[in-house]
Amino acid sequence: ALLPPDPPCAHGQSAGEATEQSRVQYEDLLESEESDDRLIEMVDSALVRRRPPAPPAGFLRLVRPGDTLELWFDDGWWDVKVVAVMRKEGSKEEGSKEEGAEEASKEK
């Protein structure tokens, strides 16, 4: 969530360098393990983006092996590549062996 800015400060700036800062409050990060208060900090405005919209109805029917998606997992967004899609009927749609070998070589 974007919050009203605090009074001007030099937090996160190098000498002679002025960057626009935004005051943000995280939904999933807490100030500490002992606190229930959500973390608030100043960040470079260029790094702030709006929450993505909810996927449209039927989105999962369009996903195919080889597609690149962003997955929310363990408090962060991860770039992932789909290797198989499980349909409700129980049929499994998998990517080609070449795609799997190509991805394995990229990870090394």
PDB file of N, CA and C in Angstrom:
ATOM      1  N   ALA A   1       0.843  -1.179   0.000  1.00  0.00           N
ATOM      2  CA  ALA A   1       0.000   0.000   0.000  1.00  0.00           C
ATOM      3  C   ALA A   1       0.883   1.234   0.000  1.00  0.00           C
ATOM      4  N   LEU A   2       0.568   2.172  -0.847  1.00  0.00           N
ATOM      5  CA  LEU A   2       1.294   3.440  -0.849  1.00  0.00           C
ATOM      6  C   LEU A   2       0.729   4.312   0.250  1.00  0.00           C
ATOM      7  N   LEU A   3       1.589   4.929   1.008  1.00  0.00           N
ATOM      8  CA  LEU A   3       1.189   5.794   2.110  1.00  0.00           C
ATOM      9  C   LEU A   3       1.592   7.221   1.810  1.00  0.00           C
ATOM     10  N   PRO A   4       0.976   8.199   2.504  1.00  0.00           N
ATOM     11  CA  PRO A   4       1.438   9.580   2.331  1.00  0.00           C
ATOM     12  C   PRO A   4       2.904   9.672   2.722  1.00  0.00           C
ATOM     13  N   PRO A   5       3.685  10.476   2.020  1.00  0.00           N
ATOM     14  CA  PRO A   5       5.118  10.551   2.326  1.00  0.00           C
ATOM     15  C   PRO A   5       5.385  11.198   3.673  1.00  0.00           C
ATOM     16  N   ASP A   6       6.460  10.756   4.303  1.00  0.00           N
ATOM     17  CA  ASP A   6       6.968  11.424   5.497  1.00  0.00           C
ATOM     18  C   ASP A   6       7.622  12.716   5.039  1.00  0.00           C
ATOM     19  N   PRO A   7       8.009  13.578   5.962  1.00  0.00           N
ATOM     20  CA  PRO A   7       8.773  14.761   5.552  1.00  0.00           C
ATOM     21  C   PRO A   7      10.006  14.329   4.764  1.00  0.00           C
ATOM     22  N   PRO A   8      10.518  15.181   3.867  1.00  0.00           N
ATOM     23  CA  PRO A   8      11.668  14.817   3.029  1.00  0.00           C
ATOM     24  C   PRO A   8      12.836  14.304   3.858  1.00  0.00           C
ATOM     25  N   CYS A   9      13.485  13.269   3.316  1.00  0.00           N
ATOM     26  CA  CYS A   9      14.668  12.719   3.979  1.00  0.00           C
ATOM     27  C   CYS A   9      15.632  12.227   2.913  1.00  0.00           C
ATOM     28  N   ALA A  10      16.838  11.903   3.312  1.00  0.00           N
ATOM     29  CA  ALA A  10      17.865  11.453   2.372  1.00  0.00           C
ATOM     30  C   ALA A  10      18.022   9.943   2.420  1.00  0.00           C
ATOM     31  N   HIS A  11      17.075   9.249   3.040  1.00  0.00           N
ATOM     32  CA  HIS A  11      17.164   7.796   3.179  1.00  0.00           C
ATOM     33  C   HIS A  11      17.356   7.136   1.819  1.00  0.00           C
ATOM     34  N   GLY A  12      18.386   6.329   1.700  1.00  0.00           N
ATOM     35  CA  GLY A  12      18.631   5.581   0.476  1.00  0.00           C
ATOM     36  C   GLY A  12      19.240   6.392  -0.650  1.00  0.00           C
ATOM     37  N   GLN A  13      19.727   7.591  -0.375  1.00  0.00           N
ATOM     38  CA  GLN A  13      20.300   8.421  -1.432  1.00  0.00           C
ATOM     39  C   GLN A  13      21.793   8.596  -1.221  1.00  0.00           C
ATOM     40  N   SER A  14      22.527   8.616  -2.320  1.00  0.00           N
ATOM     41  CA  SER A  14      23.954   8.914  -2.269  1.00  0.00           C
ATOM     42  C   SER A  14      24.134  10.422  -2.321  1.00  0.00           C
ATOM     43  N   ALA A  15      25.282  10.900  -1.880  1.00  0.00           N
ATOM     44  CA  ALA A  15      25.566  12.332  -1.921  1.00  0.00           C
ATOM     45  C   ALA A  15      25.456  12.837  -3.352  1.00  0.00           C
ATOM     46  N   GLY A  16      24.710  13.917  -3.550  1.00  0.00           N
ATOM     47  CA  GLY A  16      24.566  14.511  -4.868  1.00  0.00           C
ATOM     48  C   GLY A  16      23.561  13.804  -5.762  1.00  0.00           C
ATOM     49  N   GLU A  17      22.946  12.746  -5.278  1.00  0.00           N
ATOM     50  CA  GLU A  17      21.989  11.986  -6.082  1.00  0.00           C
ATOM     51  C   GLU A  17      20.606  12.113  -5.455  1.00  0.00           C
ATOM     52  N   ALA A  18      19.650  12.605  -6.212  1.00  0.00           N
ATOM     53  CA  ALA A  18      18.287  12.749  -5.709  1.00  0.00           C
ATOM     54  C   ALA A  18      17.386  11.761  -6.435  1.00  0.00           C
ATOM     55  N   THR A  19      16.751  10.875  -5.686  1.00  0.00           N
ATOM     56  CA  THR A  19      15.796   9.944  -6.276  1.00  0.00           C
ATOM     57  C   THR A  19      14.460  10.147  -5.589  1.00  0.00           C
ATOM     58  N   GLU A  20      13.392   9.959  -6.345  1.00  0.00           N
ATOM     59  CA  GLU A  20      12.063  10.081  -5.764  1.00  0.00           C
ATOM     60  C   GLU A  20      11.801   8.847  -4.912  1.00  0.00           C
ATOM     61  N   GLN A  21      11.344   9.067  -3.707  1.00  0.00           N
ATOM     62  CA  GLN A  21      11.082   7.980  -2.769  1.00  0.00           C
ATOM     63  C   GLN A  21       9.579   7.871  -2.509  1.00  0.00           C
ATOM     64  N   SER A  22       9.107   6.667  -2.268  1.00  0.00           N
ATOM     65  CA  SER A  22       7.719   6.417  -1.893  1.00  0.00           C
ATOM     66  C   SER A  22       7.710   5.703  -0.554  1.00  0.00           C
ATOM     67  N   ARG A  23       6.765   6.065   0.271  1.00  0.00           N
ATOM     68  CA  ARG A  23       6.592   5.405   1.573  1.00  0.00           C
ATOM     69  C   ARG A  23       5.594   4.272   1.352  1.00  0.00           C
ATOM     70  N   VAL A  24       6.022   3.040   1.606  1.00  0.00           N
ATOM     71  CA  VAL A  24       5.171   1.877   1.348  1.00  0.00           C
ATOM     72  C   VAL A  24       4.960   1.064   2.613  1.00  0.00           C
ATOM     73  N   GLN A  25       3.812   0.404   2.665  1.00  0.00           N
ATOM     74  CA  GLN A  25       3.512  -0.520   3.753  1.00  0.00           C
ATOM     75  C   GLN A  25       3.262  -1.880   3.109  1.00  0.00           C
ATOM     76  N   TYR A  26       4.023  -2.875   3.537  1.00  0.00           N
ATOM     77  CA  TYR A  26       3.918  -4.212   2.971  1.00  0.00           C
ATOM     78  C   TYR A  26       2.750  -4.955   3.603  1.00  0.00           C
ATOM     79  N   GLU A  27       2.058  -5.745   2.807  1.00  0.00           N
ATOM     80  CA  GLU A  27       0.950  -6.536   3.326  1.00  0.00           C
ATOM     81  C   GLU A  27       1.436  -7.804   4.007  1.00  0.00           C
ATOM     82  N   ASP A  28       2.541  -8.360   3.538  1.00  0.00           N
ATOM     83  CA  ASP A  28       2.980  -9.666   4.022  1.00  0.00           C
ATOM     84  C   ASP A  28       4.288  -9.645   4.797  1.00  0.00           C
ATOM     85  N   LEU A  29       4.880  -8.478   5.019  1.00  0.00           N
ATOM     86  CA  LEU A  29       6.120  -8.389   5.789  1.00  0.00           C
ATOM     87  C   LEU A  29       5.846  -7.625   7.075  1.00  0.00           C
ATOM     88  N   LEU A  30       6.321  -8.173   8.177  1.00  0.00           N
ATOM     89  CA  LEU A  30       6.136  -7.532   9.475  1.00  0.00           C
ATOM     90  C   LEU A  30       7.410  -6.821   9.896  1.00  0.00           C
ATOM     91  N   GLU A  31       7.260  -5.843  10.813  1.00  0.00           N
ATOM     92  CA  GLU A  31       8.420  -5.089  11.292  1.00  0.00           C
ATOM     93  C   GLU A  31       9.434  -5.996  11.972  1.00  0.00           C
ATOM     94  N   SER A  32       8.964  -7.016  12.681  1.00  0.00           N
ATOM     95  CA  SER A  32       9.856  -7.976  13.335  1.00  0.00           C
ATOM     96  C   SER A  32       9.064  -9.247  13.618  1.00  0.00           C
ATOM     97  N   GLU A  33       9.765 -10.288  14.035  1.00  0.00           N
ATOM     98  CA  GLU A  33       9.093 -11.546  14.363  1.00  0.00           C
ATOM     99  C   GLU A  33       8.194 -11.400  15.582  1.00  0.00           C
ATOM    100  N   GLU A  34       8.499 -10.433  16.449  1.00  0.00           N
ATOM    101  CA  GLU A  34       7.734 -10.235  17.676  1.00  0.00           C
ATOM    102  C   GLU A  34       6.557  -9.285  17.486  1.00  0.00           C
ATOM    103  N   SER A  35       6.421  -8.676  16.316  1.00  0.00           N
ATOM    104  CA  SER A  35       5.418  -7.636  16.085  1.00  0.00           C
ATOM    105  C   SER A  35       4.371  -8.092  15.077  1.00  0.00           C
ATOM    106  N   ASP A  36       3.155  -7.588  15.244  1.00  0.00           N
ATOM    107  CA  ASP A  36       2.103  -7.812  14.252  1.00  0.00           C
ATOM    108  C   ASP A  36       1.957  -6.603  13.334  1.00  0.00           C
ATOM    109  N   ASP A  37       2.812  -5.571  13.535  1.00  0.00           N
ATOM    110  CA  ASP A  37       2.758  -4.364  12.715  1.00  0.00           C
ATOM    111  C   ASP A  37       3.414  -4.631  11.366  1.00  0.00           C
ATOM    112  N   ARG A  38       2.721  -4.236  10.302  1.00  0.00           N
ATOM    113  CA  ARG A  38       3.276  -4.416   8.962  1.00  0.00           C
ATOM    114  C   ARG A  38       4.428  -3.441   8.742  1.00  0.00           C
ATOM    115  N   LEU A  39       5.449  -3.900   8.029  1.00  0.00           N
ATOM    116  CA  LEU A  39       6.645  -3.111   7.761  1.00  0.00           C
ATOM    117  C   LEU A  39       6.315  -1.909   6.885  1.00  0.00           C
ATOM    118  N   ILE A  40       6.819  -0.728   7.285  1.00  0.00           N
ATOM    119  CA  ILE A  40       6.698   0.504   6.511  1.00  0.00           C
ATOM    120  C   ILE A  40       8.109   0.997   6.260  1.00  0.00           C
ATOM    121  N   GLU A  41       8.417   1.338   4.998  1.00  0.00           N
ATOM    122  CA  GLU A  41       9.735   1.876   4.690  1.00  0.00           C
ATOM    123  C   GLU A  41       9.681   2.746   3.445  1.00  0.00           C
ATOM    124  N   MET A  42      10.740   3.520   3.255  1.00  0.00           N
ATOM    125  CA  MET A  42      10.894   4.349   2.064  1.00  0.00           C
ATOM    126  C   MET A  42      11.663   3.530   1.022  1.00  0.00           C
ATOM    127  N   VAL A  43      11.159   3.527  -0.211  1.00  0.00           N
ATOM    128  CA  VAL A  43      11.821   2.803  -1.295  1.00  0.00           C
ATOM    129  C   VAL A  43      11.882   3.697  -2.528  1.00  0.00           C
ATOM    130  N   ASP A  44      12.797   3.399  -3.418  1.00  0.00           N
ATOM    131  CA  ASP A  44      12.923   4.118  -4.680  1.00  0.00           C
ATOM    132  C   ASP A  44      11.609   3.953  -5.453  1.00  0.00           C
ATOM    133  N   SER A  45      11.001   5.050  -5.849  1.00  0.00           N
ATOM    134  CA  SER A  45       9.700   5.007  -6.541  1.00  0.00           C
ATOM    135  C   SER A  45       9.741   4.186  -7.824  1.00  0.00           C
ATOM    136  N   ALA A  46      10.896   4.102  -8.457  1.00  0.00           N
ATOM    137  CA  ALA A  46      11.011   3.320  -9.689  1.00  0.00           C
ATOM    138  C   ALA A  46      10.799   1.827  -9.431  1.00  0.00           C
ATOM    139  N   LEU A  47      10.920   1.389  -8.174  1.00  0.00           N
ATOM    140  CA  LEU A  47      10.754  -0.020  -7.837  1.00  0.00           C
ATOM    141  C   LEU A  47       9.326  -0.368  -7.436  1.00  0.00           C
ATOM    142  N   VAL A  48       8.453   0.628  -7.335  1.00  0.00           N
ATOM    143  CA  VAL A  48       7.081   0.408  -6.877  1.00  0.00           C
ATOM    144  C   VAL A  48       6.182   0.129  -8.074  1.00  0.00           C
ATOM    145  N   ARG A  49       5.340  -0.893  -7.940  1.00  0.00           N
ATOM    146  CA  ARG A  49       4.344  -1.154  -8.972  1.00  0.00           C
ATOM    147  C   ARG A  49       3.018  -1.481  -8.300  1.00  0.00           C
ATOM    148  N   ARG A  50       1.949  -1.274  -9.043  1.00  0.00           N
ATOM    149  CA  ARG A  50       0.618  -1.574  -8.515  1.00  0.00           C
ATOM    150  C   ARG A  50       0.438  -3.081  -8.404  1.00  0.00           C
ATOM    151  N   ARG A  51      -0.490  -3.462  -7.538  1.00  0.00           N
ATOM    152  CA  ARG A  51      -0.845  -4.877  -7.415  1.00  0.00           C
ATOM    153  C   ARG A  51      -1.415  -5.327  -8.765  1.00  0.00           C
ATOM    154  N   PRO A  52      -0.984  -6.483  -9.256  1.00  0.00           N
ATOM    155  CA  PRO A  52      -1.528  -6.943 -10.541  1.00  0.00           C
ATOM    156  C   PRO A  52      -3.016  -7.262 -10.400  1.00  0.00           C
ATOM    157  N   PRO A  53      -3.779  -7.115 -11.475  1.00  0.00           N
ATOM    158  CA  PRO A  53      -5.204  -7.451 -11.402  1.00  0.00           C
ATOM    159  C   PRO A  53      -5.381  -8.953 -11.228  1.00  0.00           C
ATOM    160  N   ALA A  54      -6.547  -9.334 -10.748  1.00  0.00           N
ATOM    161  CA  ALA A  54      -6.859 -10.761 -10.623  1.00  0.00           C
ATOM    162  C   ALA A  54      -6.875 -11.375 -12.019  1.00  0.00           C
ATOM    163  N   PRO A  55      -6.466 -12.632 -12.133  1.00  0.00           N
ATOM    164  CA  PRO A  55      -6.506 -13.274 -13.453  1.00  0.00           C
ATOM    165  C   PRO A  55      -7.947 -13.325 -13.971  1.00  0.00           C
ATOM    166  N   PRO A  56      -8.141 -13.204 -15.267  1.00  0.00           N
ATOM    167  CA  PRO A  56      -9.497 -13.266 -15.819  1.00  0.00           C
ATOM    168  C   PRO A  56     -10.081 -14.672 -15.682  1.00  0.00           C
ATOM    169  N   ALA A  57     -11.399 -14.753 -15.720  1.00  0.00           N
ATOM    170  CA  ALA A  57     -12.071 -16.054 -15.660  1.00  0.00           C
ATOM    171  C   ALA A  57     -11.535 -16.935 -16.792  1.00  0.00           C
ATOM    172  N   GLY A  58     -11.270 -18.189 -16.489  1.00  0.00           N
ATOM    173  CA  GLY A  58     -10.781 -19.119 -17.494  1.00  0.00           C
ATOM    174  C   GLY A  58      -9.293 -19.041 -17.767  1.00  0.00           C
ATOM    175  N   PHE A  59      -8.568 -18.248 -16.993  1.00  0.00           N
ATOM    176  CA  PHE A  59      -7.128 -18.061 -17.200  1.00  0.00           C
ATOM    177  C   PHE A  59      -6.371 -19.389 -17.212  1.00  0.00           C
ATOM    178  N   LEU A  60      -6.667 -20.263 -16.264  1.00  0.00           N
ATOM    179  CA  LEU A  60      -5.903 -21.511 -16.158  1.00  0.00           C
ATOM    180  C   LEU A  60      -6.090 -22.423 -17.368  1.00  0.00           C
ATOM    181  N   ARG A  61      -7.222 -22.302 -18.062  1.00  0.00           N
ATOM    182  CA  ARG A  61      -7.420 -23.118 -19.272  1.00  0.00           C
ATOM    183  C   ARG A  61      -6.468 -22.702 -20.386  1.00  0.00           C
ATOM    184  N   LEU A  62      -5.929 -21.483 -20.307  1.00  0.00           N
ATOM    185  CA  LEU A  62      -5.028 -20.979 -21.349  1.00  0.00           C
ATOM    186  C   LEU A  62      -3.561 -21.337 -21.101  1.00  0.00           C
ATOM    187  N   VAL A  63      -3.230 -21.794 -19.894  1.00  0.00           N
ATOM    188  CA  VAL A  63      -1.843 -22.102 -19.538  1.00  0.00           C
ATOM    189  C   VAL A  63      -1.400 -23.381 -20.244  1.00  0.00           C
ATOM    190  N   ARG A  64      -0.212 -23.327 -20.844  1.00  0.00           N
ATOM    191  CA  ARG A  64       0.349 -24.467 -21.582  1.00  0.00           C
ATOM    192  C   ARG A  64       1.787 -24.718 -21.130  1.00  0.00           C
ATOM    193  N   PRO A  65       2.263 -25.961 -21.263  1.00  0.00           N
ATOM    194  CA  PRO A  65       3.668 -26.230 -20.971  1.00  0.00           C
ATOM    195  C   PRO A  65       4.565 -25.320 -21.800  1.00  0.00           C
ATOM    196  N   GLY A  66       5.594 -24.786 -21.151  1.00  0.00           N
ATOM    197  CA  GLY A  66       6.511 -23.862 -21.805  1.00  0.00           C
ATOM    198  C   GLY A  66       6.193 -22.407 -21.511  1.00  0.00           C
ATOM    199  N   ASP A  67       4.969 -22.124 -21.018  1.00  0.00           N
ATOM    200  CA  ASP A  67       4.603 -20.744 -20.674  1.00  0.00           C
ATOM    201  C   ASP A  67       5.425 -20.263 -19.484  1.00  0.00           C
ATOM    202  N   THR A  68       5.774 -18.985 -19.482  1.00  0.00           N
ATOM    203  CA  THR A  68       6.460 -18.358 -18.355  1.00  0.00           C
ATOM    204  C   THR A  68       5.427 -17.568 -17.567  1.00  0.00           C
ATOM    205  N   LEU A  69       5.374 -17.799 -16.263  1.00  0.00           N
ATOM    206  CA  LEU A  69       4.417 -17.140 -15.379  1.00  0.00           C
ATOM    207  C   LEU A  69       5.142 -16.574 -14.171  1.00  0.00           C
ATOM    208  N   GLU A  70       4.438 -15.747 -13.391  1.00  0.00           N
ATOM    209  CA  GLU A  70       4.929 -15.303 -12.091  1.00  0.00           C
ATOM    210  C   GLU A  70       4.084 -16.002 -11.035  1.00  0.00           C
ATOM    211  N   LEU A  71       4.746 -16.589 -10.046  1.00  0.00           N
ATOM    212  CA  LEU A  71       4.081 -17.355  -9.002  1.00  0.00           C
ATOM    213  C   LEU A  71       4.347 -16.712  -7.653  1.00  0.00           C
ATOM    214  N   TRP A  72       3.287 -16.443  -6.873  1.00  0.00           N
ATOM    215  CA  TRP A  72       3.443 -15.932  -5.515  1.00  0.00           C
ATOM    216  C   TRP A  72       3.698 -17.132  -4.613  1.00  0.00           C
ATOM    217  N   PHE A  73       4.884 -17.194  -3.992  1.00  0.00           N
ATOM    218  CA  PHE A  73       5.256 -18.319  -3.139  1.00  0.00           C
ATOM    219  C   PHE A  73       6.254 -17.848  -2.104  1.00  0.00           C
ATOM    220  N   ASP A  74       6.059 -18.252  -0.864  1.00  0.00           N
ATOM    221  CA  ASP A  74       7.006 -17.973   0.216  1.00  0.00           C
ATOM    222  C   ASP A  74       7.339 -16.475   0.301  1.00  0.00           C
ATOM    223  N   ASP A  75       6.291 -15.647   0.331  1.00  0.00           N
ATOM    224  CA  ASP A  75       6.410 -14.189   0.504  1.00  0.00           C
ATOM    225  C   ASP A  75       7.114 -13.473  -0.641  1.00  0.00           C
ATOM    226  N   GLY A  76       7.048 -14.007  -1.840  1.00  0.00           N
ATOM    227  CA  GLY A  76       7.677 -13.306  -2.960  1.00  0.00           C
ATOM    228  C   GLY A  76       7.185 -13.820  -4.302  1.00  0.00           C
ATOM    229  N   TRP A  77       7.414 -13.016  -5.343  1.00  0.00           N
ATOM    230  CA  TRP A  77       7.064 -13.395  -6.711  1.00  0.00           C
ATOM    231  C   TRP A  77       8.256 -14.090  -7.355  1.00  0.00           C
ATOM    232  N   TRP A  78       7.999 -15.212  -8.005  1.00  0.00           N
ATOM    233  CA  TRP A  78       9.032 -16.020  -8.646  1.00  0.00           C
ATOM    234  C   TRP A  78       8.676 -16.205 -10.118  1.00  0.00           C
ATOM    235  N   ASP A  79       9.657 -16.028 -11.003  1.00  0.00           N
ATOM    236  CA  ASP A  79       9.464 -16.349 -12.413  1.00  0.00           C
ATOM    237  C   ASP A  79       9.559 -17.861 -12.548  1.00  0.00           C
ATOM    238  N   VAL A  80       8.536 -18.476 -13.141  1.00  0.00           N
ATOM    239  CA  VAL A  80       8.517 -19.931 -13.292  1.00  0.00           C
ATOM    240  C   VAL A  80       8.160 -20.294 -14.729  1.00  0.00           C
ATOM    241  N   LYS A  81       8.555 -21.483 -15.133  1.00  0.00           N
ATOM    242  CA  LYS A  81       8.192 -22.002 -16.450  1.00  0.00           C
ATOM    243  C   LYS A  81       7.337 -23.243 -16.232  1.00  0.00           C
ATOM    244  N   VAL A  82       6.183 -23.295 -16.872  1.00  0.00           N
ATOM    245  CA  VAL A  82       5.255 -24.412 -16.733  1.00  0.00           C
ATOM    246  C   VAL A  82       5.842 -25.627 -17.447  1.00  0.00           C
ATOM    247  N   VAL A  83       5.937 -26.753 -16.732  1.00  0.00           N
ATOM    248  CA  VAL A  83       6.445 -27.981 -17.349  1.00  0.00           C
ATOM    249  C   VAL A  83       5.323 -28.983 -17.603  1.00  0.00           C
ATOM    250  N   ALA A  84       4.219 -28.889 -16.855  1.00  0.00           N
ATOM    251  CA  ALA A  84       3.073 -29.771 -17.071  1.00  0.00           C
ATOM    252  C   ALA A  84       1.832 -29.090 -16.522  1.00  0.00           C
ATOM    253  N   VAL A  85       0.688 -29.430 -17.099  1.00  0.00           N
ATOM    254  CA  VAL A  85      -0.597 -28.897 -16.645  1.00  0.00           C
ATOM    255  C   VAL A  85      -1.499 -30.080 -16.339  1.00  0.00           C
ATOM    256  N   MET A  86      -2.037 -30.117 -15.128  1.00  0.00           N
ATOM    257  CA  MET A  86      -2.970 -31.177 -14.740  1.00  0.00           C
ATOM    258  C   MET A  86      -4.382 -30.656 -14.968  1.00  0.00           C
ATOM    259  N   ARG A  87      -5.137 -31.313 -15.795  1.00  0.00           N
ATOM    260  CA  ARG A  87      -6.527 -30.948 -16.058  1.00  0.00           C
ATOM    261  C   ARG A  87      -7.433 -31.717 -15.102  1.00  0.00           C
ATOM    262  N   LYS A  88      -8.626 -31.221 -14.854  1.00  0.00           N
ATOM    263  CA  LYS A  88      -9.550 -31.861 -13.919  1.00  0.00           C
ATOM    264  C   LYS A  88      -9.863 -33.297 -14.311  1.00  0.00           C
ATOM    265  N   GLU A  89      -9.916 -33.562 -15.593  1.00  0.00           N
ATOM    266  CA  GLU A  89     -10.239 -34.911 -16.053  1.00  0.00           C
ATOM    267  C   GLU A  89      -9.146 -35.913 -15.682  1.00  0.00           C
ATOM    268  N   GLY A  90      -8.000 -35.417 -15.196  1.00  0.00           N
ATOM    269  CA  GLY A  90      -6.906 -36.286 -14.826  1.00  0.00           C
ATOM    270  C   GLY A  90      -5.869 -36.446 -15.917  1.00  0.00           C
ATOM    271  N   SER A  91      -6.148 -35.903 -17.101  1.00  0.00           N
ATOM    272  CA  SER A  91      -5.146 -35.999 -18.163  1.00  0.00           C
ATOM    273  C   SER A  91      -4.029 -35.008 -17.885  1.00  0.00           C
ATOM    274  N   LYS A  92      -2.844 -35.365 -18.271  1.00  0.00           N
ATOM    275  CA  LYS A  92      -1.667 -34.540 -18.008  1.00  0.00           C
ATOM    276  C   LYS A  92      -1.090 -34.066 -19.325  1.00  0.00           C
ATOM    277  N   GLU A  93      -0.893 -32.758 -19.433  1.00  0.00           N
ATOM    278  CA  GLU A  93      -0.286 -32.173 -20.631  1.00  0.00           C
ATOM    279  C   GLU A  93       1.130 -31.767 -20.256  1.00  0.00           C
ATOM    280  N   GLU A  94       2.126 -32.365 -20.895  1.00  0.00           N
ATOM    281  CA  GLU A  94       3.518 -32.090 -20.553  1.00  0.00           C
ATOM    282  C   GLU A  94       4.231 -31.406 -21.700  1.00  0.00           C
ATOM    283  N   GLY A  95       5.306 -30.695 -21.335  1.00  0.00           N
ATOM    284  CA  GLY A  95       6.161 -30.074 -22.343  1.00  0.00           C
ATOM    285  C   GLY A  95       7.032 -31.128 -23.000  1.00  0.00           C
ATOM    286  N   SER A  96       7.690 -30.763 -24.071  1.00  0.00           N
ATOM    287  CA  SER A  96       8.560 -31.694 -24.782  1.00  0.00           C
ATOM    288  C   SER A  96       9.822 -31.961 -23.972  1.00  0.00           C
ATOM    289  N   LYS A  97      10.496 -33.062 -24.263  1.00  0.00           N
ATOM    290  CA  LYS A  97      11.749 -33.384 -23.580  1.00  0.00           C
ATOM    291  C   LYS A  97      12.807 -32.336 -23.873  1.00  0.00           C
ATOM    292  N   GLU A  98      12.758 -31.760 -25.079  1.00  0.00           N
ATOM    293  CA  GLU A  98      13.730 -30.724 -25.432  1.00  0.00           C
ATOM    294  C   GLU A  98      13.563 -29.501 -24.536  1.00  0.00           C
ATOM    295  N   GLU A  99      12.309 -29.111 -24.248  1.00  0.00           N
ATOM    296  CA  GLU A  99      12.071 -27.964 -23.365  1.00  0.00           C
ATOM    297  C   GLU A  99      12.648 -28.235 -21.984  1.00  0.00           C
ATOM    298  N   GLY A 100      12.439 -29.444 -21.461  1.00  0.00           N
ATOM    299  CA  GLY A 100      12.952 -29.788 -20.140  1.00  0.00           C
ATOM    300  C   GLY A 100      14.466 -29.763 -20.101  1.00  0.00           C
ATOM    301  N   ALA A 101      15.114 -30.283 -21.143  1.00  0.00           N
ATOM    302  CA  ALA A 101      16.577 -30.289 -21.201  1.00  0.00           C
ATOM    303  C   ALA A 101      17.108 -28.871 -21.318  1.00  0.00           C
ATOM    304  N   GLU A 102      16.395 -28.044 -22.090  1.00  0.00           N
ATOM    305  CA  GLU A 102      16.813 -26.650 -22.258  1.00  0.00           C
ATOM    306  C   GLU A 102      16.735 -25.916 -20.922  1.00  0.00           C
ATOM    307  N   GLU A 103      15.674 -26.140 -20.166  1.00  0.00           N
ATOM    308  CA  GLU A 103      15.524 -25.477 -18.868  1.00  0.00           C
ATOM    309  C   GLU A 103      16.578 -25.969 -17.880  1.00  0.00           C
ATOM    310  N   ALA A 104      16.866 -27.264 -17.887  1.00  0.00           N
ATOM    311  CA  ALA A 104      17.872 -27.799 -16.971  1.00  0.00           C
ATOM    312  C   ALA A 104      19.232 -27.186 -17.256  1.00  0.00           C
ATOM    313  N   SER A 105      19.544 -26.971 -18.529  1.00  0.00           N
ATOM    314  CA  SER A 105      20.844 -26.389 -18.863  1.00  0.00           C
ATOM    315  C   SER A 105      20.910 -24.924 -18.456  1.00  0.00           C
ATOM    316  N   LYS A 106      19.779 -24.208 -18.477  1.00  0.00           N
ATOM    317  CA  LYS A 106      19.760 -22.807 -18.061  1.00  0.00           C
ATOM    318  C   LYS A 106      19.994 -22.671 -16.562  1.00  0.00           C
ATOM    319  N   GLU A 107      19.532 -23.653 -15.787  1.00  0.00           N
ATOM    320  CA  GLU A 107      19.653 -23.587 -14.331  1.00  0.00           C
ATOM    321  C   GLU A 107      21.080 -23.807 -13.866  1.00  0.00           C
ATOM    322  N   LYS A 108      21.917 -24.434 -14.674  1.00  0.00           N
ATOM    323  CA  LYS A 108      23.294 -24.748 -14.258  1.00  0.00           C
ATOM    324  C   LYS A 108      24.202 -23.577 -14.371  1.00  0.00           C
TER     325      LYS A 108
END
